[in-house]
Amino acid sequence: MLRSHEDKPLKNWHLLTLGVIFLVFLVVRWTLPAATPKRAAPPQPEKAVVTVGSSTFPALIANTPDLAYRGLSDRPSLGTFGGMLFVFPTTATRTFVMRDMLFPLDIVWITDGVISDMSEMLPLEPTAPESDLTLYTGKEPVQMVLEVASGTVRQNGWRLGDSVTVQY
């Protein structure tokens, strides 16, 4: 088949159009991830120094509903922290569970800066569905709850009425 010289401008126009479309595609593709809103990272706990009786240690602070719900779930250990302190905006009776815990805990309920209740050596419940988890509830309304590694209460000799202070 013979081609005339008149086909070349038409062919060049098609190549130019395809080139522009490809260039626009590259620009859009390259800038799209930057324009797509990124999912916010989950809030990270604040840190504080907690003193219970004569024991002082760094602690993670759970002071939002999301942090309180997640607590120490799915963590292999406390790492360099001595515990997690749950700080609530109101005084109320608080209930905790061992949801997705990988290590056992002691739970300490704190009312007006003193230990008002304790639950020690809480067992793990790795296969229990949410509805079957054991509920651990303090005996009276509290502003704070402290979770520490199992055995901490006994090892440090903590007792009901011991003072608890927090430095942020």
N, C-alpha and C. Protein backbone atom coordinates (compact mmCIF):
# COMPACT_ATOMS: atom_id res chain seq x y z
N MET A 1 0.84 -1.16 0.00
CA MET A 1 0.00 0.00 0.00
C MET A 1 0.89 1.23 0.00
N LEU A 2 0.52 2.18 -0.77
CA LEU A 2 1.28 3.42 -0.88
C LEU A 2 0.75 4.45 0.10
N ARG A 3 1.63 5.25 0.62
CA ARG A 3 1.22 6.32 1.53
C ARG A 3 1.55 7.66 0.89
N SER A 4 0.71 8.57 1.17
CA SER A 4 0.99 9.90 0.63
C SER A 4 1.69 10.73 1.69
N HIS A 5 2.26 11.82 1.27
CA HIS A 5 2.94 12.72 2.19
C HIS A 5 1.96 13.42 3.12
N GLU A 6 0.68 13.41 2.75
CA GLU A 6 -0.33 14.07 3.58
C GLU A 6 -0.62 13.30 4.87
N ASP A 7 -0.28 12.02 4.97
CA ASP A 7 -0.54 11.22 6.18
C ASP A 7 0.41 11.58 7.33
N LYS A 8 1.59 12.09 7.03
CA LYS A 8 2.57 12.38 8.06
C LYS A 8 2.09 13.42 9.07
N PRO A 9 1.54 14.58 8.68
CA PRO A 9 1.07 15.52 9.70
C PRO A 9 -0.01 14.90 10.57
N LEU A 10 -0.91 14.11 9.98
CA LEU A 10 -1.96 13.47 10.75
C LEU A 10 -1.35 12.48 11.75
N LYS A 11 -0.37 11.72 11.30
CA LYS A 11 0.29 10.76 12.16
C LYS A 11 1.03 11.49 13.29
N ASN A 12 1.70 12.57 12.99
CA ASN A 12 2.41 13.35 14.00
C ASN A 12 1.43 13.94 15.01
N TRP A 13 0.25 14.38 14.55
CA TRP A 13 -0.76 14.93 15.44
C TRP A 13 -1.24 13.86 16.42
N HIS A 14 -1.42 12.61 15.93
CA HIS A 14 -1.82 11.51 16.81
C HIS A 14 -0.73 11.21 17.84
N LEU A 15 0.50 11.20 17.42
CA LEU A 15 1.60 10.95 18.36
C LEU A 15 1.69 12.05 19.40
N LEU A 16 1.51 13.30 18.98
CA LEU A 16 1.55 14.43 19.90
C LEU A 16 0.41 14.31 20.92
N THR A 17 -0.80 13.96 20.47
CA THR A 17 -1.95 13.79 21.36
C THR A 17 -1.70 12.66 22.33
N LEU A 18 -1.20 11.54 21.86
CA LEU A 18 -0.89 10.42 22.74
C LEU A 18 0.19 10.80 23.75
N GLY A 19 1.17 11.56 23.32
CA GLY A 19 2.23 12.02 24.22
C GLY A 19 1.68 12.92 25.32
N VAL A 20 0.78 13.84 24.97
CA VAL A 20 0.18 14.74 25.95
C VAL A 20 -0.67 13.94 26.93
N ILE A 21 -1.46 13.00 26.43
CA ILE A 21 -2.30 12.16 27.31
C ILE A 21 -1.42 11.37 28.27
N PHE A 22 -0.33 10.81 27.77
CA PHE A 22 0.59 10.04 28.62
C PHE A 22 1.22 10.95 29.67
N LEU A 23 1.61 12.15 29.28
CA LEU A 23 2.22 13.10 30.20
C LEU A 23 1.21 13.49 31.30
N VAL A 24 -0.03 13.75 30.93
CA VAL A 24 -1.07 14.07 31.92
C VAL A 24 -1.28 12.88 32.86
N PHE A 25 -1.30 11.68 32.31
CA PHE A 25 -1.45 10.49 33.14
C PHE A 25 -0.32 10.40 34.17
N LEU A 26 0.92 10.62 33.73
CA LEU A 26 2.06 10.55 34.64
C LEU A 26 1.96 11.62 35.74
N VAL A 27 1.58 12.82 35.37
CA VAL A 27 1.47 13.89 36.36
C VAL A 27 0.39 13.56 37.38
N VAL A 28 -0.77 13.11 36.91
CA VAL A 28 -1.86 12.75 37.81
C VAL A 28 -1.45 11.59 38.70
N ARG A 29 -0.85 10.59 38.11
CA ARG A 29 -0.44 9.40 38.87
C ARG A 29 0.61 9.75 39.92
N TRP A 30 1.51 10.65 39.57
CA TRP A 30 2.58 11.03 40.48
C TRP A 30 2.05 11.89 41.63
N THR A 31 1.09 12.75 41.37
CA THR A 31 0.57 13.65 42.41
C THR A 31 -0.60 13.06 43.17
N LEU A 32 -1.26 12.04 42.67
CA LEU A 32 -2.45 11.49 43.32
C LEU A 32 -2.19 11.01 44.75
N PRO A 33 -1.12 10.25 45.02
CA PRO A 33 -0.90 9.83 46.41
C PRO A 33 -0.75 11.00 47.36
N ALA A 34 -0.15 12.09 46.92
CA ALA A 34 0.00 13.26 47.78
C ALA A 34 -1.35 13.92 48.04
N ALA A 35 -2.25 13.84 47.08
CA ALA A 35 -3.56 14.47 47.23
C ALA A 35 -4.54 13.59 48.01
N THR A 36 -4.27 12.29 48.07
CA THR A 36 -5.14 11.37 48.79
C THR A 36 -4.92 11.55 50.29
N PRO A 37 -5.97 11.80 51.06
CA PRO A 37 -5.77 11.98 52.50
C PRO A 37 -5.23 10.70 53.13
N LYS A 38 -4.21 10.85 53.95
CA LYS A 38 -3.63 9.69 54.62
C LYS A 38 -4.41 9.42 55.89
N ARG A 39 -4.51 8.17 56.22
CA ARG A 39 -5.20 7.76 57.43
C ARG A 39 -4.39 8.22 58.63
N ALA A 40 -5.06 8.86 59.55
CA ALA A 40 -4.37 9.36 60.73
C ALA A 40 -3.85 8.19 61.57
N ALA A 41 -2.66 8.37 62.08
CA ALA A 41 -2.09 7.35 62.95
C ALA A 41 -2.89 7.31 64.24
N PRO A 42 -3.03 6.13 64.82
CA PRO A 42 -3.78 6.09 66.08
C PRO A 42 -3.07 6.93 67.13
N PRO A 43 -3.82 7.52 68.06
CA PRO A 43 -3.18 8.35 69.07
C PRO A 43 -2.21 7.54 69.91
N GLN A 44 -1.12 8.16 70.26
CA GLN A 44 -0.11 7.51 71.08
C GLN A 44 -0.27 7.97 72.52
N PRO A 45 -0.09 7.07 73.47
CA PRO A 45 -0.23 7.47 74.87
C PRO A 45 0.84 8.48 75.28
N GLU A 46 0.44 9.37 76.17
CA GLU A 46 1.40 10.28 76.79
C GLU A 46 2.19 9.48 77.82
N LYS A 47 3.19 10.12 78.38
CA LYS A 47 4.03 9.46 79.38
C LYS A 47 4.06 10.29 80.65
N ALA A 48 4.23 9.64 81.79
CA ALA A 48 4.31 10.31 83.08
C ALA A 48 5.16 9.46 84.02
N VAL A 49 5.44 10.03 85.16
CA VAL A 49 6.12 9.29 86.22
C VAL A 49 5.10 9.08 87.33
N VAL A 50 4.93 7.82 87.71
CA VAL A 50 3.94 7.45 88.73
C VAL A 50 4.69 6.97 89.97
N THR A 51 4.22 7.43 91.13
CA THR A 51 4.77 6.95 92.40
C THR A 51 3.63 6.31 93.19
N VAL A 52 3.83 5.04 93.53
CA VAL A 52 2.87 4.30 94.35
C VAL A 52 3.64 3.89 95.60
N GLY A 53 3.22 4.41 96.76
CA GLY A 53 3.98 4.14 97.98
C GLY A 53 5.40 4.65 97.79
N SER A 54 6.37 3.75 97.87
CA SER A 54 7.78 4.14 97.68
C SER A 54 8.32 3.72 96.31
N SER A 55 7.45 3.22 95.42
CA SER A 55 7.86 2.77 94.08
C SER A 55 7.60 3.88 93.06
N THR A 56 8.62 4.25 92.30
CA THR A 56 8.48 5.26 91.25
C THR A 56 8.89 4.65 89.92
N PHE A 57 8.07 4.88 88.88
CA PHE A 57 8.35 4.29 87.58
C PHE A 57 7.69 5.10 86.47
N PRO A 58 8.24 5.01 85.24
CA PRO A 58 7.58 5.67 84.11
C PRO A 58 6.35 4.87 83.69
N ALA A 59 5.31 5.59 83.26
CA ALA A 59 4.08 4.92 82.84
C ALA A 59 3.52 5.58 81.59
N LEU A 60 2.84 4.77 80.81
CA LEU A 60 2.07 5.29 79.69
C LEU A 60 0.74 5.80 80.23
N ILE A 61 0.20 6.86 79.63
CA ILE A 61 -1.06 7.43 80.08
C ILE A 61 -2.12 7.20 79.01
N ALA A 62 -3.21 6.58 79.40
CA ALA A 62 -4.37 6.40 78.52
C ALA A 62 -5.43 7.39 78.99
N ASN A 63 -5.61 8.48 78.23
CA ASN A 63 -6.54 9.52 78.68
C ASN A 63 -7.57 9.90 77.64
N THR A 64 -7.76 9.03 76.65
CA THR A 64 -8.83 9.22 75.66
C THR A 64 -9.62 7.91 75.57
N PRO A 65 -10.85 7.96 75.08
CA PRO A 65 -11.63 6.72 74.96
C PRO A 65 -10.92 5.66 74.10
N ASP A 66 -10.28 6.08 73.00
CA ASP A 66 -9.60 5.12 72.13
C ASP A 66 -8.42 4.46 72.85
N LEU A 67 -7.61 5.27 73.53
CA LEU A 67 -6.47 4.72 74.26
C LEU A 67 -6.93 3.83 75.41
N ALA A 68 -8.01 4.21 76.07
CA ALA A 68 -8.53 3.40 77.17
C ALA A 68 -9.05 2.06 76.66
N TYR A 69 -9.74 2.07 75.53
CA TYR A 69 -10.27 0.82 74.97
C TYR A 69 -9.13 -0.11 74.57
N ARG A 70 -8.12 0.45 73.92
CA ARG A 70 -6.99 -0.36 73.45
C ARG A 70 -6.09 -0.79 74.59
N GLY A 71 -5.86 0.11 75.55
CA GLY A 71 -5.02 -0.22 76.70
C GLY A 71 -3.70 -0.86 76.32
N LEU A 72 -3.39 -1.98 76.95
CA LEU A 72 -2.14 -2.70 76.67
C LEU A 72 -2.36 -3.88 75.73
N SER A 73 -3.53 -3.95 75.11
CA SER A 73 -3.83 -5.05 74.18
C SER A 73 -2.77 -5.16 73.09
N ASP A 74 -2.46 -6.40 72.74
CA ASP A 74 -1.54 -6.74 71.64
C ASP A 74 -0.10 -6.29 71.86
N ARG A 75 0.26 -5.82 73.03
CA ARG A 75 1.66 -5.47 73.32
C ARG A 75 2.33 -6.71 73.90
N PRO A 76 3.54 -7.01 73.48
CA PRO A 76 4.22 -8.19 74.04
C PRO A 76 4.68 -7.97 75.48
N SER A 77 4.85 -6.69 75.88
CA SER A 77 5.28 -6.38 77.25
C SER A 77 5.08 -4.89 77.49
N LEU A 78 5.41 -4.46 78.69
CA LEU A 78 5.37 -3.04 79.00
C LEU A 78 6.61 -2.31 78.51
N GLY A 79 7.61 -3.07 78.06
CA GLY A 79 8.85 -2.46 77.59
C GLY A 79 9.54 -1.74 78.73
N THR A 80 9.89 -0.49 78.51
CA THR A 80 10.62 0.28 79.52
C THR A 80 9.70 0.95 80.53
N PHE A 81 8.39 0.72 80.40
CA PHE A 81 7.43 1.36 81.29
C PHE A 81 7.01 0.41 82.40
N GLY A 82 6.66 0.99 83.55
CA GLY A 82 6.23 0.19 84.68
C GLY A 82 4.75 -0.10 84.67
N GLY A 83 4.00 0.61 83.83
CA GLY A 83 2.56 0.37 83.78
C GLY A 83 1.87 1.32 82.82
N MET A 84 0.55 1.18 82.77
CA MET A 84 -0.29 2.11 82.01
C MET A 84 -1.32 2.66 82.99
N LEU A 85 -1.38 4.00 83.05
CA LEU A 85 -2.32 4.68 83.93
C LEU A 85 -3.48 5.21 83.10
N PHE A 86 -4.67 4.78 83.45
CA PHE A 86 -5.89 5.23 82.79
C PHE A 86 -6.43 6.41 83.59
N VAL A 87 -6.50 7.58 82.95
CA VAL A 87 -6.95 8.79 83.61
C VAL A 87 -8.30 9.18 83.00
N PHE A 88 -9.32 9.30 83.83
CA PHE A 88 -10.67 9.57 83.35
C PHE A 88 -11.11 10.98 83.72
N PRO A 89 -11.96 11.59 82.90
CA PRO A 89 -12.40 12.96 83.17
C PRO A 89 -13.43 13.06 84.31
N THR A 90 -14.04 11.93 84.66
CA THR A 90 -15.04 11.92 85.73
C THR A 90 -14.77 10.75 86.67
N THR A 91 -15.33 10.84 87.85
CA THR A 91 -15.24 9.75 88.81
C THR A 91 -16.41 8.81 88.56
N ALA A 92 -16.10 7.53 88.38
CA ALA A 92 -17.14 6.53 88.12
C ALA A 92 -16.58 5.14 88.42
N THR A 93 -17.48 4.17 88.52
CA THR A 93 -17.06 2.78 88.66
C THR A 93 -16.52 2.34 87.31
N ARG A 94 -15.36 1.74 87.30
CA ARG A 94 -14.69 1.34 86.05
C ARG A 94 -14.54 -0.17 85.98
N THR A 95 -14.79 -0.71 84.78
CA THR A 95 -14.67 -2.15 84.53
C THR A 95 -13.64 -2.38 83.44
N PHE A 96 -12.76 -3.35 83.67
CA PHE A 96 -11.71 -3.69 82.72
C PHE A 96 -11.81 -5.16 82.34
N VAL A 97 -11.25 -5.50 81.17
CA VAL A 97 -11.16 -6.88 80.70
C VAL A 97 -9.73 -7.12 80.20
N MET A 98 -9.39 -8.38 79.99
CA MET A 98 -8.06 -8.75 79.50
C MET A 98 -8.12 -8.99 77.99
N ARG A 99 -8.73 -8.07 77.24
CA ARG A 99 -8.91 -8.18 75.79
C ARG A 99 -7.55 -8.19 75.07
N ASP A 100 -7.30 -9.25 74.32
CA ASP A 100 -6.09 -9.36 73.48
C ASP A 100 -4.79 -9.13 74.25
N MET A 101 -4.77 -9.49 75.52
CA MET A 101 -3.56 -9.32 76.33
C MET A 101 -2.59 -10.46 76.06
N LEU A 102 -1.30 -10.10 76.00
CA LEU A 102 -0.26 -11.08 75.75
C LEU A 102 0.55 -11.39 77.00
N PHE A 103 0.28 -10.66 78.09
CA PHE A 103 0.94 -10.94 79.37
C PHE A 103 -0.06 -10.62 80.49
N PRO A 104 0.03 -11.33 81.63
CA PRO A 104 -0.93 -11.12 82.72
C PRO A 104 -0.66 -9.81 83.47
N LEU A 105 -1.71 -9.32 84.14
CA LEU A 105 -1.64 -8.02 84.80
C LEU A 105 -2.12 -8.07 86.25
N ASP A 106 -1.75 -7.01 86.97
CA ASP A 106 -2.40 -6.60 88.21
C ASP A 106 -3.11 -5.30 87.86
N ILE A 107 -4.31 -5.08 88.42
CA ILE A 107 -5.03 -3.82 88.20
C ILE A 107 -5.22 -3.15 89.55
N VAL A 108 -4.91 -1.84 89.58
CA VAL A 108 -5.00 -1.05 90.80
C VAL A 108 -5.98 0.10 90.56
N TRP A 109 -7.04 0.18 91.37
CA TRP A 109 -8.02 1.25 91.26
C TRP A 109 -7.61 2.37 92.21
N ILE A 110 -7.69 3.62 91.73
CA ILE A 110 -7.18 4.77 92.50
C ILE A 110 -8.29 5.80 92.68
N THR A 111 -8.58 6.12 93.95
CA THR A 111 -9.60 7.11 94.30
C THR A 111 -8.94 8.19 95.15
N ASP A 112 -9.07 9.43 94.72
CA ASP A 112 -8.53 10.58 95.48
C ASP A 112 -7.07 10.38 95.86
N GLY A 113 -6.28 9.85 94.93
CA GLY A 113 -4.84 9.72 95.14
C GLY A 113 -4.40 8.58 96.03
N VAL A 114 -5.30 7.62 96.30
CA VAL A 114 -4.91 6.44 97.09
C VAL A 114 -5.48 5.18 96.45
N ILE A 115 -4.81 4.06 96.72
CA ILE A 115 -5.29 2.77 96.20
C ILE A 115 -6.59 2.42 96.94
N SER A 116 -7.67 2.23 96.15
CA SER A 116 -8.96 1.88 96.76
C SER A 116 -9.33 0.41 96.52
N ASP A 117 -8.67 -0.24 95.55
CA ASP A 117 -8.95 -1.65 95.27
C ASP A 117 -7.83 -2.20 94.41
N MET A 118 -7.66 -3.52 94.41
CA MET A 118 -6.63 -4.16 93.59
C MET A 118 -7.12 -5.53 93.14
N SER A 119 -6.76 -5.91 91.92
CA SER A 119 -6.98 -7.27 91.42
C SER A 119 -5.63 -7.77 90.95
N GLU A 120 -5.19 -8.86 91.54
CA GLU A 120 -3.83 -9.35 91.25
C GLU A 120 -3.84 -10.62 90.41
N MET A 121 -2.75 -10.79 89.68
CA MET A 121 -2.47 -12.02 88.92
C MET A 121 -3.63 -12.41 88.01
N LEU A 122 -4.12 -11.46 87.23
CA LEU A 122 -5.26 -11.73 86.35
C LEU A 122 -4.82 -12.66 85.21
N PRO A 123 -5.56 -13.73 84.99
CA PRO A 123 -5.17 -14.69 83.95
C PRO A 123 -5.48 -14.16 82.54
N LEU A 124 -4.73 -14.64 81.59
CA LEU A 124 -4.98 -14.32 80.18
C LEU A 124 -6.19 -15.12 79.70
N GLU A 125 -6.89 -14.56 78.73
CA GLU A 125 -8.05 -15.24 78.12
C GLU A 125 -7.90 -15.15 76.61
N PRO A 126 -6.87 -15.81 76.05
CA PRO A 126 -6.54 -15.61 74.63
C PRO A 126 -7.60 -16.09 73.64
N THR A 127 -8.42 -17.05 74.01
CA THR A 127 -9.39 -17.57 73.04
C THR A 127 -10.82 -17.15 73.34
N ALA A 128 -11.01 -16.35 74.40
CA ALA A 128 -12.37 -15.97 74.80
C ALA A 128 -12.92 -14.90 73.86
N PRO A 129 -14.15 -15.09 73.38
CA PRO A 129 -14.78 -14.01 72.60
C PRO A 129 -15.07 -12.83 73.53
N GLU A 130 -15.24 -11.66 72.96
CA GLU A 130 -15.47 -10.43 73.74
C GLU A 130 -16.58 -10.61 74.78
N SER A 131 -17.65 -11.26 74.40
CA SER A 131 -18.79 -11.40 75.31
C SER A 131 -18.50 -12.33 76.50
N ASP A 132 -17.44 -13.15 76.41
CA ASP A 132 -17.13 -14.08 77.49
C ASP A 132 -15.93 -13.65 78.35
N LEU A 133 -15.36 -12.48 78.06
CA LEU A 133 -14.21 -12.02 78.85
C LEU A 133 -14.66 -11.74 80.28
N THR A 134 -13.79 -12.08 81.23
CA THR A 134 -14.06 -11.81 82.64
C THR A 134 -14.03 -10.30 82.87
N LEU A 135 -15.01 -9.80 83.62
CA LEU A 135 -15.09 -8.37 83.94
C LEU A 135 -14.44 -8.13 85.29
N TYR A 136 -13.55 -7.13 85.36
CA TYR A 136 -12.89 -6.75 86.60
C TYR A 136 -13.33 -5.33 86.93
N THR A 137 -14.08 -5.19 88.03
CA THR A 137 -14.66 -3.90 88.39
C THR A 137 -14.18 -3.52 89.79
N GLY A 138 -13.74 -2.26 89.93
CA GLY A 138 -13.33 -1.76 91.24
C GLY A 138 -14.53 -1.65 92.18
N LYS A 139 -14.24 -1.63 93.49
CA LYS A 139 -15.30 -1.62 94.50
C LYS A 139 -15.98 -0.26 94.64
N GLU A 140 -15.31 0.80 94.17
CA GLU A 140 -15.90 2.13 94.31
C GLU A 140 -15.51 3.00 93.11
N PRO A 141 -16.20 4.13 92.93
CA PRO A 141 -15.88 5.02 91.82
C PRO A 141 -14.44 5.54 91.91
N VAL A 142 -13.80 5.67 90.76
CA VAL A 142 -12.39 6.10 90.70
C VAL A 142 -12.18 7.14 89.59
N GLN A 143 -11.05 7.84 89.69
CA GLN A 143 -10.61 8.74 88.62
C GLN A 143 -9.50 8.10 87.79
N MET A 144 -8.79 7.14 88.38
CA MET A 144 -7.66 6.52 87.69
C MET A 144 -7.62 5.02 87.97
N VAL A 145 -7.06 4.30 87.00
CA VAL A 145 -6.80 2.87 87.15
C VAL A 145 -5.40 2.62 86.61
N LEU A 146 -4.63 1.83 87.33
CA LEU A 146 -3.25 1.52 86.94
C LEU A 146 -3.14 0.04 86.61
N GLU A 147 -2.64 -0.26 85.41
CA GLU A 147 -2.33 -1.65 85.04
C GLU A 147 -0.81 -1.82 85.09
N VAL A 148 -0.38 -2.86 85.78
CA VAL A 148 1.04 -3.19 85.89
C VAL A 148 1.21 -4.68 85.62
N ALA A 149 2.43 -5.09 85.35
CA ALA A 149 2.71 -6.51 85.10
C ALA A 149 2.32 -7.32 86.33
N SER A 150 1.81 -8.51 86.08
CA SER A 150 1.38 -9.40 87.14
C SER A 150 2.52 -9.63 88.14
N GLY A 151 2.20 -9.52 89.41
CA GLY A 151 3.19 -9.71 90.47
C GLY A 151 3.77 -8.41 90.99
N THR A 152 3.53 -7.30 90.31
CA THR A 152 4.08 -6.01 90.73
C THR A 152 3.53 -5.58 92.08
N VAL A 153 2.22 -5.75 92.29
CA VAL A 153 1.60 -5.35 93.55
C VAL A 153 2.26 -6.10 94.71
N ARG A 154 2.38 -7.39 94.58
CA ARG A 154 2.96 -8.21 95.64
C ARG A 154 4.45 -7.91 95.83
N GLN A 155 5.17 -7.80 94.72
CA GLN A 155 6.62 -7.55 94.79
C GLN A 155 6.93 -6.23 95.49
N ASN A 156 6.09 -5.21 95.27
CA ASN A 156 6.34 -3.89 95.87
C ASN A 156 5.62 -3.70 97.20
N GLY A 157 4.81 -4.68 97.61
CA GLY A 157 4.11 -4.60 98.89
C GLY A 157 3.04 -3.52 98.93
N TRP A 158 2.42 -3.21 97.77
CA TRP A 158 1.37 -2.19 97.75
C TRP A 158 0.17 -2.67 98.56
N ARG A 159 -0.48 -1.74 99.22
CA ARG A 159 -1.64 -2.05 100.06
C ARG A 159 -2.74 -1.01 99.82
N LEU A 160 -3.97 -1.39 100.16
CA LEU A 160 -5.08 -0.43 100.09
C LEU A 160 -4.72 0.79 100.94
N GLY A 161 -4.99 1.97 100.42
CA GLY A 161 -4.69 3.21 101.14
C GLY A 161 -3.33 3.80 100.82
N ASP A 162 -2.45 3.05 100.09
CA ASP A 162 -1.15 3.61 99.69
C ASP A 162 -1.39 4.81 98.79
N SER A 163 -0.54 5.83 98.92
CA SER A 163 -0.71 7.04 98.11
C SER A 163 -0.18 6.80 96.69
N VAL A 164 -0.81 7.50 95.74
CA VAL A 164 -0.42 7.43 94.32
C VAL A 164 -0.30 8.87 93.83
N THR A 165 0.86 9.23 93.27
CA THR A 165 1.04 10.56 92.67
C THR A 165 1.50 10.39 91.24
N VAL A 166 1.13 11.36 90.42
CA VAL A 166 1.47 11.32 88.99
C VAL A 166 2.11 12.65 88.62
N GLN A 167 3.26 12.58 87.96
CA GLN A 167 3.93 13.78 87.43
C GLN A 167 3.94 13.68 85.91
N TYR A 168 3.27 14.64 85.26
CA TYR A 168 3.19 14.66 83.79
C TYR A 168 4.36 15.39 83.21
